[in-house]
N, C-alpha and C. Protein backbone atom coordinates (compact mmCIF):
# COMPACT_ATOMS: atom_id res chain seq x y z
N MET A 1 1.85 30.40 6.71
CA MET A 1 2.82 29.86 5.78
C MET A 1 3.81 28.96 6.50
N ARG A 2 4.25 29.39 7.69
CA ARG A 2 5.20 28.58 8.45
C ARG A 2 4.62 27.21 8.80
N LYS A 3 3.31 27.21 9.08
CA LYS A 3 2.65 25.96 9.43
C LYS A 3 2.77 24.96 8.29
N TRP A 4 2.55 25.39 7.06
CA TRP A 4 2.61 24.50 5.90
C TRP A 4 4.03 24.01 5.64
N ILE A 5 5.00 24.88 5.84
CA ILE A 5 6.39 24.47 5.66
C ILE A 5 6.76 23.44 6.72
N GLY A 6 6.33 23.67 7.95
CA GLY A 6 6.60 22.72 9.03
C GLY A 6 5.93 21.38 8.80
N LEU A 7 4.69 21.41 8.35
CA LEU A 7 3.98 20.17 8.07
C LEU A 7 4.61 19.41 6.90
N SER A 8 5.06 20.14 5.90
CA SER A 8 5.72 19.50 4.76
C SER A 8 7.03 18.84 5.18
N ALA A 9 7.79 19.53 6.01
CA ALA A 9 9.04 18.96 6.51
C ALA A 9 8.79 17.72 7.36
N LEU A 10 7.76 17.78 8.19
CA LEU A 10 7.41 16.64 9.02
C LEU A 10 6.97 15.45 8.17
N ALA A 11 6.19 15.71 7.15
CA ALA A 11 5.75 14.63 6.25
C ALA A 11 6.94 14.01 5.52
N LEU A 12 7.89 14.83 5.11
CA LEU A 12 9.07 14.34 4.42
C LEU A 12 9.92 13.47 5.35
N MET A 13 10.09 13.90 6.59
CA MET A 13 10.87 13.11 7.54
C MET A 13 10.17 11.80 7.86
N THR A 14 8.86 11.83 7.98
CA THR A 14 8.10 10.62 8.27
C THR A 14 8.20 9.64 7.11
N ALA A 15 8.14 10.14 5.91
CA ALA A 15 8.21 9.27 4.73
C ALA A 15 9.55 8.56 4.66
N CYS A 16 10.60 9.18 5.14
CA CYS A 16 11.93 8.57 5.08
C CYS A 16 12.10 7.46 6.10
N ASP A 17 11.32 7.46 7.17
CA ASP A 17 11.47 6.48 8.23
C ASP A 17 10.56 5.28 8.09
N VAL A 18 9.83 5.16 7.00
CA VAL A 18 8.88 4.07 6.83
C VAL A 18 9.63 2.79 6.54
N PRO A 19 9.39 1.73 7.33
CA PRO A 19 10.06 0.46 7.07
C PRO A 19 9.54 -0.18 5.79
N GLN A 20 10.45 -0.67 4.99
CA GLN A 20 10.09 -1.30 3.72
C GLN A 20 9.64 -2.74 3.97
N ALA A 21 8.69 -3.19 3.18
CA ALA A 21 8.21 -4.57 3.27
C ALA A 21 9.33 -5.50 2.83
N PRO A 22 9.40 -6.68 3.45
CA PRO A 22 10.44 -7.63 3.04
C PRO A 22 10.22 -8.12 1.61
N VAL A 23 11.29 -8.20 0.87
CA VAL A 23 11.24 -8.77 -0.47
C VAL A 23 11.68 -10.22 -0.36
N VAL A 24 10.81 -11.12 -0.79
CA VAL A 24 11.07 -12.56 -0.67
C VAL A 24 11.07 -13.19 -2.07
N THR A 25 11.60 -14.39 -2.14
CA THR A 25 11.59 -15.13 -3.40
C THR A 25 10.43 -16.11 -3.37
N GLY A 26 9.54 -16.00 -4.33
CA GLY A 26 8.38 -16.87 -4.40
C GLY A 26 8.75 -18.25 -4.92
N PRO A 27 7.78 -19.17 -4.93
CA PRO A 27 8.03 -20.53 -5.39
C PRO A 27 8.44 -20.60 -6.86
N ASP A 28 8.09 -19.57 -7.62
CA ASP A 28 8.47 -19.54 -9.03
C ASP A 28 9.84 -18.88 -9.25
N GLY A 29 10.51 -18.51 -8.15
CA GLY A 29 11.83 -17.88 -8.23
C GLY A 29 11.79 -16.39 -8.47
N GLN A 30 10.61 -15.82 -8.56
CA GLN A 30 10.44 -14.40 -8.82
C GLN A 30 10.42 -13.63 -7.50
N ALA A 31 11.03 -12.44 -7.49
CA ALA A 31 11.02 -11.60 -6.30
C ALA A 31 9.61 -11.10 -6.03
N GLY A 32 9.23 -11.09 -4.76
CA GLY A 32 7.90 -10.63 -4.39
C GLY A 32 7.95 -9.82 -3.10
N ILE A 33 6.94 -8.99 -2.91
CA ILE A 33 6.82 -8.15 -1.73
C ILE A 33 5.85 -8.83 -0.78
N GLN A 34 6.29 -9.04 0.45
CA GLN A 34 5.44 -9.68 1.44
C GLN A 34 4.43 -8.66 1.98
N ILE A 35 3.15 -9.01 1.91
CA ILE A 35 2.08 -8.12 2.35
C ILE A 35 2.00 -8.14 3.88
N ASN A 36 1.94 -6.97 4.49
CA ASN A 36 1.76 -6.84 5.93
C ASN A 36 0.26 -6.81 6.19
N THR A 37 -0.29 -7.86 6.77
CA THR A 37 -1.73 -7.93 7.01
C THR A 37 -2.17 -7.19 8.26
N SER A 38 -1.23 -6.68 9.04
CA SER A 38 -1.62 -5.96 10.26
C SER A 38 -1.22 -4.49 10.21
N GLY A 39 -1.17 -3.94 9.01
CA GLY A 39 -0.81 -2.53 8.88
C GLY A 39 -0.47 -2.20 7.45
N LEU A 40 0.35 -1.19 7.29
CA LEU A 40 0.72 -0.74 5.95
C LEU A 40 1.82 -1.61 5.35
N THR A 41 1.73 -1.83 4.06
CA THR A 41 2.79 -2.48 3.30
C THR A 41 3.47 -1.38 2.50
N CYS A 42 4.75 -1.14 2.78
CA CYS A 42 5.47 -0.04 2.14
C CYS A 42 6.57 -0.60 1.25
N TYR A 43 6.66 -0.04 0.05
CA TYR A 43 7.70 -0.44 -0.90
C TYR A 43 7.94 0.72 -1.85
N ASP A 44 9.20 1.06 -2.04
CA ASP A 44 9.60 2.07 -3.00
C ASP A 44 8.81 3.39 -2.84
N THR A 45 8.82 3.94 -1.66
CA THR A 45 8.21 5.23 -1.29
C THR A 45 6.69 5.25 -1.30
N ARG A 46 6.03 4.11 -1.41
CA ARG A 46 4.56 4.07 -1.41
C ARG A 46 4.10 3.10 -0.32
N CYS A 47 3.08 3.50 0.44
CA CYS A 47 2.51 2.65 1.47
C CYS A 47 1.03 2.40 1.15
N LEU A 48 0.64 1.13 1.26
CA LEU A 48 -0.73 0.73 0.98
C LEU A 48 -1.23 -0.15 2.12
N ASP A 49 -2.50 -0.02 2.43
CA ASP A 49 -3.16 -0.90 3.39
C ASP A 49 -3.85 -2.00 2.57
N ILE A 50 -3.22 -3.15 2.46
CA ILE A 50 -3.73 -4.24 1.63
C ILE A 50 -4.36 -5.30 2.53
N ASN A 51 -5.60 -5.69 2.22
CA ASN A 51 -6.29 -6.73 2.97
C ASN A 51 -6.56 -7.90 2.01
N PRO A 52 -5.69 -8.93 2.04
CA PRO A 52 -5.86 -10.05 1.12
C PRO A 52 -7.17 -10.80 1.31
N ALA A 53 -7.64 -10.92 2.56
CA ALA A 53 -8.88 -11.66 2.84
C ALA A 53 -10.08 -10.99 2.18
N ALA A 54 -10.13 -9.67 2.21
CA ALA A 54 -11.24 -8.93 1.62
C ALA A 54 -10.94 -8.51 0.17
N ARG A 55 -9.74 -8.80 -0.31
CA ARG A 55 -9.28 -8.37 -1.64
C ARG A 55 -9.50 -6.86 -1.82
N SER A 56 -9.07 -6.11 -0.80
CA SER A 56 -9.23 -4.65 -0.86
C SER A 56 -7.90 -3.96 -0.57
N VAL A 57 -7.83 -2.71 -0.98
CA VAL A 57 -6.64 -1.90 -0.78
C VAL A 57 -7.07 -0.47 -0.51
N ARG A 58 -6.25 0.23 0.28
CA ARG A 58 -6.52 1.64 0.57
C ARG A 58 -5.19 2.37 0.60
N SER A 59 -5.14 3.47 -0.10
CA SER A 59 -4.00 4.37 -0.04
C SER A 59 -4.33 5.39 1.04
N ILE A 60 -3.34 5.83 1.77
CA ILE A 60 -3.56 6.77 2.87
C ILE A 60 -4.32 7.99 2.35
N GLY A 61 -5.46 8.28 2.99
CA GLY A 61 -6.28 9.43 2.63
C GLY A 61 -7.34 9.14 1.59
N ASN A 62 -7.35 7.94 1.03
CA ASN A 62 -8.33 7.59 0.02
C ASN A 62 -9.28 6.51 0.52
N ARG A 63 -10.33 6.28 -0.24
CA ARG A 63 -11.29 5.24 0.10
C ARG A 63 -10.73 3.87 -0.20
N THR A 64 -11.31 2.87 0.44
CA THR A 64 -10.95 1.49 0.17
C THR A 64 -11.57 1.06 -1.15
N THR A 65 -10.82 0.31 -1.94
CA THR A 65 -11.30 -0.18 -3.22
C THR A 65 -10.83 -1.61 -3.42
N GLY A 66 -11.36 -2.26 -4.43
CA GLY A 66 -11.01 -3.65 -4.69
C GLY A 66 -9.68 -3.79 -5.41
N ILE A 67 -9.03 -4.92 -5.18
CA ILE A 67 -7.80 -5.27 -5.87
C ILE A 67 -8.18 -5.86 -7.23
N PRO A 68 -7.49 -5.50 -8.30
CA PRO A 68 -7.82 -6.06 -9.62
C PRO A 68 -7.83 -7.59 -9.59
N ARG A 69 -8.77 -8.18 -10.31
CA ARG A 69 -8.94 -9.64 -10.31
C ARG A 69 -7.73 -10.39 -10.84
N ASN A 70 -6.95 -9.76 -11.70
CA ASN A 70 -5.81 -10.45 -12.28
C ASN A 70 -4.61 -10.54 -11.33
N ILE A 71 -4.72 -9.96 -10.14
CA ILE A 71 -3.63 -9.99 -9.16
C ILE A 71 -4.01 -10.93 -8.02
N ASN A 72 -3.16 -11.94 -7.80
CA ASN A 72 -3.39 -12.92 -6.74
C ASN A 72 -2.69 -12.45 -5.47
N VAL A 73 -3.46 -12.18 -4.42
CA VAL A 73 -2.90 -11.77 -3.14
C VAL A 73 -3.11 -12.83 -2.07
N SER A 74 -3.69 -13.97 -2.45
CA SER A 74 -4.05 -14.99 -1.46
C SER A 74 -2.83 -15.60 -0.76
N ASP A 75 -1.67 -15.59 -1.43
CA ASP A 75 -0.47 -16.15 -0.80
C ASP A 75 0.31 -15.12 0.01
N GLY A 76 -0.18 -13.88 0.06
CA GLY A 76 0.47 -12.84 0.87
C GLY A 76 1.68 -12.22 0.21
N ILE A 77 1.85 -12.46 -1.09
CA ILE A 77 3.00 -11.91 -1.81
C ILE A 77 2.53 -11.32 -3.14
N VAL A 78 3.07 -10.16 -3.50
CA VAL A 78 2.82 -9.56 -4.81
C VAL A 78 4.16 -9.17 -5.42
N THR A 79 4.23 -9.15 -6.74
CA THR A 79 5.45 -8.71 -7.41
C THR A 79 5.53 -7.19 -7.34
N PRO A 80 6.72 -6.62 -7.53
CA PRO A 80 6.82 -5.15 -7.56
C PRO A 80 5.90 -4.52 -8.60
N ALA A 81 5.74 -5.15 -9.76
CA ALA A 81 4.85 -4.61 -10.80
C ALA A 81 3.39 -4.65 -10.33
N GLU A 82 3.00 -5.74 -9.66
CA GLU A 82 1.63 -5.84 -9.14
C GLU A 82 1.40 -4.81 -8.04
N PHE A 83 2.40 -4.59 -7.18
CA PHE A 83 2.28 -3.59 -6.12
C PHE A 83 2.06 -2.22 -6.74
N LYS A 84 2.79 -1.91 -7.80
CA LYS A 84 2.62 -0.63 -8.48
C LYS A 84 1.22 -0.51 -9.07
N GLN A 85 0.72 -1.59 -9.68
CA GLN A 85 -0.63 -1.57 -10.26
C GLN A 85 -1.69 -1.39 -9.17
N ILE A 86 -1.52 -2.08 -8.05
CA ILE A 86 -2.45 -1.94 -6.93
C ILE A 86 -2.41 -0.50 -6.41
N GLY A 87 -1.23 0.09 -6.36
CA GLY A 87 -1.09 1.48 -5.92
C GLY A 87 -1.82 2.46 -6.81
N VAL A 88 -1.78 2.22 -8.11
CA VAL A 88 -2.50 3.09 -9.06
C VAL A 88 -4.00 2.98 -8.81
N VAL A 89 -4.49 1.76 -8.64
CA VAL A 89 -5.92 1.54 -8.38
C VAL A 89 -6.32 2.24 -7.08
N ALA A 90 -5.49 2.11 -6.04
CA ALA A 90 -5.79 2.75 -4.75
C ALA A 90 -5.80 4.27 -4.87
N SER A 91 -4.90 4.82 -5.66
CA SER A 91 -4.84 6.28 -5.84
C SER A 91 -6.07 6.79 -6.59
N LEU A 92 -6.57 6.00 -7.51
CA LEU A 92 -7.74 6.41 -8.29
C LEU A 92 -9.05 6.31 -7.51
N ALA A 93 -9.03 5.65 -6.34
CA ALA A 93 -10.25 5.51 -5.54
C ALA A 93 -10.75 6.86 -5.06
N GLY A 94 -9.81 7.77 -4.80
CA GLY A 94 -10.17 9.12 -4.41
C GLY A 94 -10.94 9.23 -3.12
N GLY A 95 -11.34 10.44 -2.82
CA GLY A 95 -12.13 10.71 -1.63
C GLY A 95 -11.35 10.63 -0.35
N VAL A 96 -12.06 10.86 0.73
CA VAL A 96 -11.46 10.80 2.05
C VAL A 96 -11.86 9.47 2.66
N GLY A 97 -10.87 8.71 3.06
CA GLY A 97 -11.16 7.39 3.62
C GLY A 97 -10.37 7.14 4.88
N SER A 98 -10.76 6.10 5.59
CA SER A 98 -10.06 5.70 6.80
C SER A 98 -10.24 4.20 6.96
N GLY A 99 -9.64 3.66 8.00
CA GLY A 99 -9.75 2.23 8.26
C GLY A 99 -11.19 1.80 8.52
N SER A 100 -12.06 2.73 8.87
CA SER A 100 -13.45 2.37 9.18
C SER A 100 -14.34 2.30 7.94
N ASP A 101 -13.80 2.59 6.75
CA ASP A 101 -14.65 2.57 5.56
C ASP A 101 -14.63 1.23 4.85
N ARG A 102 -14.15 0.20 5.50
CA ARG A 102 -14.03 -1.11 4.86
C ARG A 102 -15.36 -1.82 4.71
N GLY A 103 -16.37 -1.37 5.38
CA GLY A 103 -17.73 -1.88 5.28
C GLY A 103 -17.90 -3.23 4.97
């Protein structure tokens, strides 16, 4: 039991130290989240591994899945609403995944 409490506390502390992705203003004047192409993109307590070149996303612990076609990631920026939608898709991928499942 102590092990689980310790792991939960460690996970909570780690979650608090995650650097947030920069919020930038796009050419249309709308706020956007800059995608980190060399690691996790974190925003509002959620971290995603987004690969714009492959149009794929992975939530920690889940399999890699495709980004919805209606979301443009080619410019390296997504809106907060798009980030949330991508996060839902990544969460629904399920299963156990890692960086090596990008196939």
